[in-house]
Amino acid sequence: MFGEEISEELREEVDILPETDLMNQRCIPATFNLLHFIAWRPDPSQLKPLPPGSAKFSLKDISRFSEIEKEYEKHHK
């Protein structure tokens, strides 16, 4: 990409643009559409969900996570 020569096709496209638009610019304006996809499918090797009630702390206490972590480490050393 960088350091490659500009293709003849691109040179022809640029020649169509009015020179006044590009005279004071260091780049050619361009618009790109990017698509991102993510996929997932179940697999027997994936971890199974834990049973309800097996959590070490409630998600409502997430704002106190560092405090809870210290308490947990103190009791489980």
PDB file of N, CA and C in Angstrom:
ATOM      1  N   MET A   1       0.824  -1.184   0.000  1.00  0.00           N
ATOM      2  CA  MET A   1       0.000   0.000   0.000  1.00  0.00           C
ATOM      3  C   MET A   1       0.868   1.249   0.000  1.00  0.00           C
ATOM      4  N   PHE A   2       1.674   1.453   1.038  1.00  0.00           N
ATOM      5  CA  PHE A   2       2.550   2.607   1.065  1.00  0.00           C
ATOM      6  C   PHE A   2       3.813   2.278   0.293  1.00  0.00           C
ATOM      7  N   GLY A   3       4.283   3.236  -0.471  1.00  0.00           N
ATOM      8  CA  GLY A   3       5.485   3.020  -1.253  1.00  0.00           C
ATOM      9  C   GLY A   3       5.219   2.394  -2.606  1.00  0.00           C
ATOM     10  N   GLU A   4       3.986   1.994  -2.866  1.00  0.00           N
ATOM     11  CA  GLU A   4       3.663   1.422  -4.167  1.00  0.00           C
ATOM     12  C   GLU A   4       3.375   2.540  -5.155  1.00  0.00           C
ATOM     13  N   GLU A   5       3.605   2.260  -6.412  1.00  0.00           N
ATOM     14  CA  GLU A   5       3.304   3.255  -7.434  1.00  0.00           C
ATOM     15  C   GLU A   5       1.804   3.363  -7.627  1.00  0.00           C
ATOM     16  N   ILE A   6       1.364   4.566  -7.992  1.00  0.00           N
ATOM     17  CA  ILE A   6      -0.053   4.795  -8.244  1.00  0.00           C
ATOM     18  C   ILE A   6      -0.420   4.148  -9.573  1.00  0.00           C
ATOM     19  N   SER A   7      -1.505   3.396  -9.566  1.00  0.00           N
ATOM     20  CA  SER A   7      -1.919   2.695 -10.782  1.00  0.00           C
ATOM     21  C   SER A   7      -2.399   3.685 -11.836  1.00  0.00           C
ATOM     22  N   GLU A   8      -2.323   3.267 -13.073  1.00  0.00           N
ATOM     23  CA  GLU A   8      -2.775   4.098 -14.194  1.00  0.00           C
ATOM     24  C   GLU A   8      -4.265   4.405 -14.063  1.00  0.00           C
ATOM     25  N   GLU A   9      -5.024   3.431 -13.577  1.00  0.00           N
ATOM     26  CA  GLU A   9      -6.466   3.624 -13.403  1.00  0.00           C
ATOM     27  C   GLU A   9      -6.745   4.746 -12.397  1.00  0.00           C
ATOM     28  N   LEU A  10      -6.003   4.769 -11.290  1.00  0.00           N
ATOM     29  CA  LEU A  10      -6.184   5.817 -10.298  1.00  0.00           C
ATOM     30  C   LEU A  10      -5.761   7.170 -10.857  1.00  0.00           C
ATOM     31  N   ARG A  11      -4.680   7.196 -11.611  1.00  0.00           N
ATOM     32  CA  ARG A  11      -4.242   8.455 -12.227  1.00  0.00           C
ATOM     33  C   ARG A  11      -5.325   9.021 -13.135  1.00  0.00           C
ATOM     34  N   GLU A  12      -5.980   8.157 -13.902  1.00  0.00           N
ATOM     35  CA  GLU A  12      -7.050   8.616 -14.790  1.00  0.00           C
ATOM     36  C   GLU A  12      -8.217   9.173 -13.983  1.00  0.00           C
ATOM     37  N   GLU A  13      -8.565   8.517 -12.869  1.00  0.00           N
ATOM     38  CA  GLU A  13      -9.656   9.000 -12.023  1.00  0.00           C
ATOM     39  C   GLU A  13      -9.330  10.376 -11.441  1.00  0.00           C
ATOM     40  N   VAL A  14      -8.090  10.560 -11.001  1.00  0.00           N
ATOM     41  CA  VAL A  14      -7.679  11.834 -10.416  1.00  0.00           C
ATOM     42  C   VAL A  14      -7.672  12.929 -11.474  1.00  0.00           C
ATOM     43  N   ASP A  15      -7.295  12.603 -12.695  1.00  0.00           N
ATOM     44  CA  ASP A  15      -7.268  13.593 -13.774  1.00  0.00           C
ATOM     45  C   ASP A  15      -8.650  14.141 -14.080  1.00  0.00           C
ATOM     46  N   ILE A  16      -9.700  13.380 -13.777  1.00  0.00           N
ATOM     47  CA  ILE A  16     -11.070  13.830 -14.032  1.00  0.00           C
ATOM     48  C   ILE A  16     -11.460  14.939 -13.051  1.00  0.00           C
ATOM     49  N   LEU A  17     -10.918  14.890 -11.823  1.00  0.00           N
ATOM     50  CA  LEU A  17     -11.263  15.879 -10.802  1.00  0.00           C
ATOM     51  C   LEU A  17     -10.727  17.254 -11.191  1.00  0.00           C
ATOM     52  N   PRO A  18     -11.449  18.309 -10.862  1.00  0.00           N
ATOM     53  CA  PRO A  18     -10.959  19.657 -11.162  1.00  0.00           C
ATOM     54  C   PRO A  18      -9.657  19.930 -10.409  1.00  0.00           C
ATOM     55  N   GLU A  19      -8.689  20.514 -11.081  1.00  0.00           N
ATOM     56  CA  GLU A  19      -7.382  20.765 -10.471  1.00  0.00           C
ATOM     57  C   GLU A  19      -7.474  21.703  -9.283  1.00  0.00           C
ATOM     58  N   THR A  20      -8.384  22.638  -9.313  1.00  0.00           N
ATOM     59  CA  THR A  20      -8.484  23.610  -8.222  1.00  0.00           C
ATOM     60  C   THR A  20      -8.823  22.938  -6.896  1.00  0.00           C
ATOM     61  N   ASP A  21      -9.557  21.846  -6.924  1.00  0.00           N
ATOM     62  CA  ASP A  21      -9.911  21.151  -5.686  1.00  0.00           C
ATOM     63  C   ASP A  21      -8.702  20.487  -5.038  1.00  0.00           C
ATOM     64  N   LEU A  22      -7.758  20.055  -5.833  1.00  0.00           N
ATOM     65  CA  LEU A  22      -6.627  19.289  -5.302  1.00  0.00           C
ATOM     66  C   LEU A  22      -5.350  20.102  -5.173  1.00  0.00           C
ATOM     67  N   MET A  23      -5.326  21.304  -5.705  1.00  0.00           N
ATOM     68  CA  MET A  23      -4.093  22.085  -5.724  1.00  0.00           C
ATOM     69  C   MET A  23      -3.557  22.364  -4.315  1.00  0.00           C
ATOM     70  N   ASN A  24      -4.429  22.665  -3.366  1.00  0.00           N
ATOM     71  CA  ASN A  24      -3.991  23.054  -2.026  1.00  0.00           C
ATOM     72  C   ASN A  24      -4.168  21.941  -0.994  1.00  0.00           C
ATOM     73  N   GLN A  25      -4.401  20.732  -1.436  1.00  0.00           N
ATOM     74  CA  GLN A  25      -4.592  19.618  -0.508  1.00  0.00           C
ATOM     75  C   GLN A  25      -3.445  18.627  -0.632  1.00  0.00           C
ATOM     76  N   ARG A  26      -3.183  17.942   0.468  1.00  0.00           N
ATOM     77  CA  ARG A  26      -2.125  16.934   0.469  1.00  0.00           C
ATOM     78  C   ARG A  26      -2.687  15.531   0.333  1.00  0.00           C
ATOM     79  N   CYS A  27      -4.001  15.436   0.196  1.00  0.00           N
ATOM     80  CA  CYS A  27      -4.614  14.118   0.071  1.00  0.00           C
ATOM     81  C   CYS A  27      -5.845  14.210  -0.815  1.00  0.00           C
ATOM     82  N   ILE A  28      -6.316  13.068  -1.241  1.00  0.00           N
ATOM     83  CA  ILE A  28      -7.526  12.984  -2.051  1.00  0.00           C
ATOM     84  C   ILE A  28      -8.647  12.530  -1.129  1.00  0.00           C
ATOM     85  N   PRO A  29      -9.715  13.323  -1.001  1.00  0.00           N
ATOM     86  CA  PRO A  29     -10.824  12.905  -0.141  1.00  0.00           C
ATOM     87  C   PRO A  29     -11.426  11.584  -0.628  1.00  0.00           C
ATOM     88  N   ALA A  30     -11.707  10.702   0.303  1.00  0.00           N
ATOM     89  CA  ALA A  30     -12.278   9.401  -0.064  1.00  0.00           C
ATOM     90  C   ALA A  30     -13.227   8.943   1.038  1.00  0.00           C
ATOM     91  N   THR A  31     -14.212   8.168   0.656  1.00  0.00           N
ATOM     92  CA  THR A  31     -15.168   7.594   1.591  1.00  0.00           C
ATOM     93  C   THR A  31     -15.131   6.085   1.451  1.00  0.00           C
ATOM     94  N   PHE A  32     -15.139   5.384   2.587  1.00  0.00           N
ATOM     95  CA  PHE A  32     -15.107   3.930   2.579  1.00  0.00           C
ATOM     96  C   PHE A  32     -16.253   3.391   3.417  1.00  0.00           C
ATOM     97  N   ASN A  33     -16.815   2.313   2.993  1.00  0.00           N
ATOM     98  CA  ASN A  33     -17.809   1.593   3.782  1.00  0.00           C
ATOM     99  C   ASN A  33     -17.140   0.345   4.330  1.00  0.00           C
ATOM    100  N   LEU A  34     -17.107   0.212   5.650  1.00  0.00           N
ATOM    101  CA  LEU A  34     -16.487  -0.946   6.282  1.00  0.00           C
ATOM    102  C   LEU A  34     -17.565  -1.837   6.875  1.00  0.00           C
ATOM    103  N   LEU A  35     -17.430  -3.112   6.658  1.00  0.00           N
ATOM    104  CA  LEU A  35     -18.360  -4.086   7.220  1.00  0.00           C
ATOM    105  C   LEU A  35     -17.596  -4.977   8.189  1.00  0.00           C
ATOM    106  N   HIS A  36     -18.175  -5.204   9.343  1.00  0.00           N
ATOM    107  CA  HIS A  36     -17.578  -6.097  10.332  1.00  0.00           C
ATOM    108  C   HIS A  36     -18.583  -7.198  10.647  1.00  0.00           C
ATOM    109  N   PHE A  37     -18.094  -8.404  10.688  1.00  0.00           N
ATOM    110  CA  PHE A  37     -18.950  -9.541  11.010  1.00  0.00           C
ATOM    111  C   PHE A  37     -18.320 -10.332  12.142  1.00  0.00           C
ATOM    112  N   ILE A  38     -19.163 -10.907  12.961  1.00  0.00           N
ATOM    113  CA  ILE A  38     -18.705 -11.818  13.998  1.00  0.00           C
ATOM    114  C   ILE A  38     -19.653 -13.018  13.979  1.00  0.00           C
ATOM    115  N   ALA A  39     -19.095 -14.168  14.159  1.00  0.00           N
ATOM    116  CA  ALA A  39     -19.921 -15.377  14.099  1.00  0.00           C
ATOM    117  C   ALA A  39     -19.624 -16.253  15.319  1.00  0.00           C
ATOM    118  N   TRP A  40     -20.602 -17.021  15.716  1.00  0.00           N
ATOM    119  CA  TRP A  40     -20.463 -17.930  16.842  1.00  0.00           C
ATOM    120  C   TRP A  40     -21.386 -19.104  16.604  1.00  0.00           C
ATOM    121  N   ARG A  41     -20.921 -20.264  16.971  1.00  0.00           N
ATOM    122  CA  ARG A  41     -21.805 -21.427  16.943  1.00  0.00           C
ATOM    123  C   ARG A  41     -21.443 -22.315  18.126  1.00  0.00           C
ATOM    124  N   PRO A  42     -22.421 -22.982  18.672  1.00  0.00           N
ATOM    125  CA  PRO A  42     -22.179 -23.843  19.831  1.00  0.00           C
ATOM    126  C   PRO A  42     -21.188 -24.961  19.502  1.00  0.00           C
ATOM    127  N   ASP A  43     -20.421 -25.349  20.515  1.00  0.00           N
ATOM    128  CA  ASP A  43     -19.460 -26.435  20.353  1.00  0.00           C
ATOM    129  C   ASP A  43     -19.406 -27.203  21.674  1.00  0.00           C
ATOM    130  N   PRO A  44     -19.307 -28.521  21.619  1.00  0.00           N
ATOM    131  CA  PRO A  44     -19.272 -29.316  22.855  1.00  0.00           C
ATOM    132  C   PRO A  44     -18.098 -28.960  23.781  1.00  0.00           C
ATOM    133  N   SER A  45     -17.014 -28.386  23.237  1.00  0.00           N
ATOM    134  CA  SER A  45     -15.854 -28.054  24.067  1.00  0.00           C
ATOM    135  C   SER A  45     -16.045 -26.764  24.870  1.00  0.00           C
ATOM    136  N   GLN A  46     -17.104 -26.017  24.608  1.00  0.00           N
ATOM    137  CA  GLN A  46     -17.339 -24.772  25.338  1.00  0.00           C
ATOM    138  C   GLN A  46     -17.789 -25.064  26.762  1.00  0.00           C
ATOM    139  N   LEU A  47     -17.433 -24.148  27.663  1.00  0.00           N
ATOM    140  CA  LEU A  47     -17.851 -24.298  29.054  1.00  0.00           C
ATOM    141  C   LEU A  47     -19.366 -24.222  29.159  1.00  0.00           C
ATOM    142  N   LYS A  48     -19.898 -25.005  30.060  1.00  0.00           N
ATOM    143  CA  LYS A  48     -21.344 -24.992  30.309  1.00  0.00           C
ATOM    144  C   LYS A  48     -21.649 -23.916  31.348  1.00  0.00           C
ATOM    145  N   PRO A  49     -22.831 -23.331  31.321  1.00  0.00           N
ATOM    146  CA  PRO A  49     -23.170 -22.308  32.313  1.00  0.00           C
ATOM    147  C   PRO A  49     -23.226 -22.898  33.718  1.00  0.00           C
ATOM    148  N   LEU A  50     -22.834 -22.094  34.693  1.00  0.00           N
ATOM    149  CA  LEU A  50     -22.898 -22.531  36.088  1.00  0.00           C
ATOM    150  C   LEU A  50     -24.348 -22.517  36.556  1.00  0.00           C
ATOM    151  N   PRO A  51     -24.669 -23.330  37.545  1.00  0.00           N
ATOM    152  CA  PRO A  51     -26.059 -23.357  38.040  1.00  0.00           C
ATOM    153  C   PRO A  51     -26.413 -22.039  38.731  1.00  0.00           C
ATOM    154  N   PRO A  52     -27.686 -21.682  38.738  1.00  0.00           N
ATOM    155  CA  PRO A  52     -28.117 -20.457  39.414  1.00  0.00           C
ATOM    156  C   PRO A  52     -27.719 -20.479  40.891  1.00  0.00           C
ATOM    157  N   GLY A  53     -27.288 -19.327  41.386  1.00  0.00           N
ATOM    158  CA  GLY A  53     -26.897 -19.223  42.795  1.00  0.00           C
ATOM    159  C   GLY A  53     -25.453 -19.577  43.072  1.00  0.00           C
ATOM    160  N   SER A  54     -24.665 -19.894  42.072  1.00  0.00           N
ATOM    161  CA  SER A  54     -23.275 -20.292  42.300  1.00  0.00           C
ATOM    162  C   SER A  54     -22.295 -19.116  42.227  1.00  0.00           C
ATOM    163  N   ALA A  55     -22.787 -17.910  42.036  1.00  0.00           N
ATOM    164  CA  ALA A  55     -21.915 -16.733  41.930  1.00  0.00           C
ATOM    165  C   ALA A  55     -21.258 -16.420  43.271  1.00  0.00           C
ATOM    166  N   LYS A  56     -20.057 -15.874  43.224  1.00  0.00           N
ATOM    167  CA  LYS A  56     -19.331 -15.489  44.441  1.00  0.00           C
ATOM    168  C   LYS A  56     -19.823 -14.146  44.973  1.00  0.00           C
ATOM    169  N   PHE A  57     -20.317 -13.277  44.086  1.00  0.00           N
ATOM    170  CA  PHE A  57     -20.892 -11.999  44.499  1.00  0.00           C
ATOM    171  C   PHE A  57     -21.949 -11.584  43.484  1.00  0.00           C
ATOM    172  N   SER A  58     -22.798 -10.675  43.882  1.00  0.00           N
ATOM    173  CA  SER A  58     -23.900 -10.218  43.042  1.00  0.00           C
ATOM    174  C   SER A  58     -23.424  -9.133  42.071  1.00  0.00           C
ATOM    175  N   LEU A  59     -23.983  -9.119  40.882  1.00  0.00           N
ATOM    176  CA  LEU A  59     -23.625  -8.085  39.914  1.00  0.00           C
ATOM    177  C   LEU A  59     -24.041  -6.691  40.380  1.00  0.00           C
ATOM    178  N   LYS A  60     -24.994  -6.614  41.274  1.00  0.00           N
ATOM    179  CA  LYS A  60     -25.388  -5.296  41.793  1.00  0.00           C
ATOM    180  C   LYS A  60     -24.267  -4.681  42.629  1.00  0.00           C
ATOM    181  N   ASP A  61     -23.307  -5.503  43.082  1.00  0.00           N
ATOM    182  CA  ASP A  61     -22.173  -5.016  43.872  1.00  0.00           C
ATOM    183  C   ASP A  61     -20.928  -4.763  43.021  1.00  0.00           C
ATOM    184  N   ILE A  62     -21.069  -4.721  41.728  1.00  0.00           N
ATOM    185  CA  ILE A  62     -19.915  -4.585  40.833  1.00  0.00           C
ATOM    186  C   ILE A  62     -19.150  -3.285  41.082  1.00  0.00           C
ATOM    187  N   SER A  63     -19.830  -2.251  41.538  1.00  0.00           N
ATOM    188  CA  SER A  63     -19.145  -0.982  41.820  1.00  0.00           C
ATOM    189  C   SER A  63     -18.185  -1.119  43.006  1.00  0.00           C
ATOM    190  N   ARG A  64     -18.390  -2.131  43.846  1.00  0.00           N
ATOM    191  CA  ARG A  64     -17.512  -2.387  44.998  1.00  0.00           C
ATOM    192  C   ARG A  64     -16.559  -3.547  44.710  1.00  0.00           C
ATOM    193  N   PHE A  65     -16.260  -3.822  43.459  1.00  0.00           N
ATOM    194  CA  PHE A  65     -15.510  -5.020  43.092  1.00  0.00           C
ATOM    195  C   PHE A  65     -14.148  -5.105  43.781  1.00  0.00           C
ATOM    196  N   SER A  66     -13.364  -4.020  43.769  1.00  0.00           N
ATOM    197  CA  SER A  66     -12.029  -4.100  44.373  1.00  0.00           C
ATOM    198  C   SER A  66     -12.111  -4.370  45.875  1.00  0.00           C
ATOM    199  N   GLU A  67     -13.112  -3.809  46.546  1.00  0.00           N
ATOM    200  CA  GLU A  67     -13.315  -4.065  47.971  1.00  0.00           C
ATOM    201  C   GLU A  67     -13.685  -5.535  48.203  1.00  0.00           C
ATOM    202  N   ILE A  68     -14.587  -6.065  47.400  1.00  0.00           N
ATOM    203  CA  ILE A  68     -15.008  -7.466  47.520  1.00  0.00           C
ATOM    204  C   ILE A  68     -13.843  -8.403  47.232  1.00  0.00           C
ATOM    205  N   GLU A  69     -13.027  -8.048  46.229  1.00  0.00           N
ATOM    206  CA  GLU A  69     -11.874  -8.872  45.871  1.00  0.00           C
ATOM    207  C   GLU A  69     -10.892  -8.963  47.039  1.00  0.00           C
ATOM    208  N   LYS A  70     -10.637  -7.836  47.708  1.00  0.00           N
ATOM    209  CA  LYS A  70      -9.735  -7.837  48.868  1.00  0.00           C
ATOM    210  C   LYS A  70     -10.287  -8.714  49.990  1.00  0.00           C
ATOM    211  N   GLU A  71     -11.589  -8.609  50.259  1.00  0.00           N
ATOM    212  CA  GLU A  71     -12.220  -9.442  51.289  1.00  0.00           C
ATOM    213  C   GLU A  71     -12.100 -10.920  50.926  1.00  0.00           C
ATOM    214  N   TYR A  72     -12.334 -11.249  49.675  1.00  0.00           N
ATOM    215  CA  TYR A  72     -12.270 -12.635  49.213  1.00  0.00           C
ATOM    216  C   TYR A  72     -10.850 -13.183  49.377  1.00  0.00           C
ATOM    217  N   GLU A  73      -9.845 -12.381  48.973  1.00  0.00           N
ATOM    218  CA  GLU A  73      -8.453 -12.822  49.090  1.00  0.00           C
ATOM    219  C   GLU A  73      -8.050 -13.007  50.555  1.00  0.00           C
ATOM    220  N   LYS A  74      -8.545 -12.128  51.423  1.00  0.00           N
ATOM    221  CA  LYS A  74      -8.227 -12.218  52.848  1.00  0.00           C
ATOM    222  C   LYS A  74      -8.749 -13.532  53.438  1.00  0.00           C
ATOM    223  N   HIS A  75      -9.932 -13.955  53.045  1.00  0.00           N
ATOM    224  CA  HIS A  75     -10.556 -15.159  53.596  1.00  0.00           C
ATOM    225  C   HIS A  75     -10.127 -16.449  52.901  1.00  0.00           C
ATOM    226  N   HIS A  76      -9.518 -16.357  51.743  1.00  0.00           N
ATOM    227  CA  HIS A  76      -9.170 -17.564  50.977  1.00  0.00           C
ATOM    228  C   HIS A  76      -7.673 -17.694  50.720  1.00  0.00           C
ATOM    229  N   LYS A  77      -6.860 -17.256  51.659  1.00  0.00           N
ATOM    230  CA  LYS A  77      -5.404 -17.415  51.508  1.00  0.00           C
ATOM    231  C   LYS A  77      -4.946 -18.727  52.059  1.00  0.00           C
TER     232      LYS A  77
END
